[in-house]
Protein backbone atom coordinates (compact mmCIF):
# COMPACT_ATOMS: atom_id res chain seq x y z
CA MET A 1 74.65 96.51 105.41
CA PHE A 2 73.61 100.12 104.72
CA PRO A 3 75.44 102.08 102.13
CA VAL A 4 77.50 104.92 103.61
CA ALA A 5 75.57 107.61 101.63
CA LEU A 6 72.28 106.29 103.10
CA LEU A 7 73.67 106.34 106.67
CA MET A 8 74.97 109.87 106.14
CA ALA A 9 71.61 111.09 104.83
CA ALA A 10 69.98 109.70 107.93
CA GLY A 11 72.39 111.62 110.16
CA ILE A 12 74.39 108.57 111.19
CA GLY A 13 78.17 109.10 111.22
CA MET A 14 80.73 106.50 110.73
CA GLY A 15 83.47 105.76 113.17
CA THR A 16 85.85 102.84 113.87
CA ALA A 17 86.08 100.48 116.80
CA ALA A 18 89.32 98.95 118.01
CA HIS A 19 89.98 95.75 119.96
CA ALA A 20 92.25 95.91 123.02
CA GLY A 21 95.23 95.11 120.77
CA GLY A 22 94.80 98.40 119.03
CA GLN A 23 93.81 96.99 115.61
CA VAL A 24 90.86 98.49 113.89
CA THR A 25 88.55 95.54 113.16
CA GLU A 26 85.03 96.81 112.49
CA THR A 27 82.99 99.89 111.67
CA GLU A 28 80.73 101.34 114.22
CA ALA A 29 77.63 103.54 113.45
CA ARG A 30 76.87 106.38 115.74
CA VAL A 31 73.45 108.14 115.78
CA ASP A 32 73.47 111.91 115.88
CA PRO A 33 71.88 112.82 119.22
CA ALA A 34 70.17 115.82 117.64
CA LEU A 35 68.10 113.46 115.52
CA THR A 36 66.87 111.16 118.29
CA LEU A 37 63.28 111.55 119.57
CA SER A 38 63.41 113.49 122.85
CA ALA A 39 59.68 113.62 123.62
CA PRO A 40 59.02 111.63 126.73
CA VAL A 41 56.45 108.83 126.54
CA ARG A 42 53.48 109.79 128.69
CA SER A 43 51.65 107.24 130.87
CA ASP A 44 47.96 106.62 130.22
CA ALA A 45 47.08 108.09 133.62
CA SER A 46 48.97 111.25 132.76
CA VAL A 47 47.22 111.54 129.40
CA THR A 48 43.79 111.00 131.12
CA GLU A 49 44.57 113.63 133.77
CA GLN A 50 45.61 116.20 131.13
CA VAL A 51 42.55 115.60 128.91
CA ARG A 52 40.26 116.01 131.98
CA ALA A 53 42.11 119.28 133.00
CA VAL A 54 41.70 120.70 129.43
CA MET A 55 38.05 119.88 129.46
CA GLN A 56 37.53 121.39 132.91
CA ALA A 57 39.24 124.56 131.75
CA GLU A 58 36.75 124.91 128.86
CA GLY A 59 33.70 126.58 130.24
CA THR A 60 31.16 124.96 127.92
CA LEU A 61 32.36 121.48 128.80
CA ARG A 62 32.82 121.93 132.50
CA ALA A 63 29.21 120.97 133.46
CA GLN A 64 28.95 118.07 131.02
CA LYS A 65 29.13 114.49 132.18
CA ILE A 66 32.09 113.33 130.19
CA GLN A 67 34.13 110.39 131.33
CA VAL A 68 37.74 110.04 130.14
CA SER A 69 39.91 106.91 130.03
CA THR A 70 43.13 106.08 128.23
CA ARG A 71 44.67 102.82 127.11
CA GLU A 72 47.93 102.65 125.23
CA GLY A 73 47.47 106.34 124.21
CA VAL A 74 43.95 105.88 122.90
CA VAL A 75 41.55 108.17 124.78
CA ARG A 76 37.95 107.06 125.25
CA LEU A 77 35.36 109.74 125.77
CA SER A 78 31.94 108.60 127.05
CA GLY A 79 28.96 110.17 128.61
CA THR A 80 26.53 112.94 127.56
CA THR A 81 26.63 116.51 126.39
CA THR A 82 23.87 118.89 125.50
CA SER A 83 25.01 119.65 121.82
CA SER A 84 26.83 118.11 119.02
CA ALA A 85 29.08 121.17 118.98
CA GLN A 86 30.22 120.11 122.55
CA ILE A 87 30.96 116.64 121.31
CA ALA A 88 33.12 117.96 118.47
CA GLN A 89 34.86 120.29 120.92
CA ALA A 90 35.61 117.57 123.41
CA VAL A 91 37.13 115.35 120.69
CA ALA A 92 39.22 118.25 119.33
CA LEU A 93 40.49 119.08 122.77
CA ALA A 94 41.43 115.48 123.54
CA ARG A 95 43.24 115.15 120.22
CA GLY A 96 45.31 118.19 121.08
CA VAL A 97 46.87 116.72 124.22
CA SER A 98 50.39 115.47 123.98
CA GLY A 99 50.56 111.62 124.02
CA VAL A 100 47.15 111.03 122.54
CA ARG A 101 47.40 108.61 119.64
CA ALA A 102 43.64 108.36 118.81
CA VAL A 103 40.30 109.32 120.30
CA ARG A 104 37.32 106.93 120.55
CA ASN A 105 34.22 109.11 120.67
CA GLU A 106 31.38 107.39 122.50
CA LEU A 107 29.70 110.70 123.64
CA ARG A 108 25.96 110.94 123.25
CA LEU A 109 23.52 113.83 123.25
CA LYS A 110 21.28 114.20 126.24
CA THR A 111 17.66 113.59 125.48
CA ARG A 112 15.09 115.91 127.04
CA THR A 113 12.44 114.23 129.07
CA ARG A 114 9.06 115.79 129.66
């Protein structure tokens, strides 16, 4: 059982519950709704779509061949870019999207063929 002070510090109030006979028989903890997480959980498809949109909006990444997939909030970036700065930028943009737990960077630099 949690001490009352600990419950109060966590924002949990104490109340009482009564049986049908009107007697108070147990204590009931209620969570303060203001302290609950209200951010919706995003689907992997939604995260992937948002990462792609952010990269398309960024002019220097628009022409690059970057594939995006997401599984359980982990975004996987694969494909090629023309500079390491673009790789760093793609990773940073993906990390900034809501719902991304981690980014697996599998991007490679394009090699020039002569």
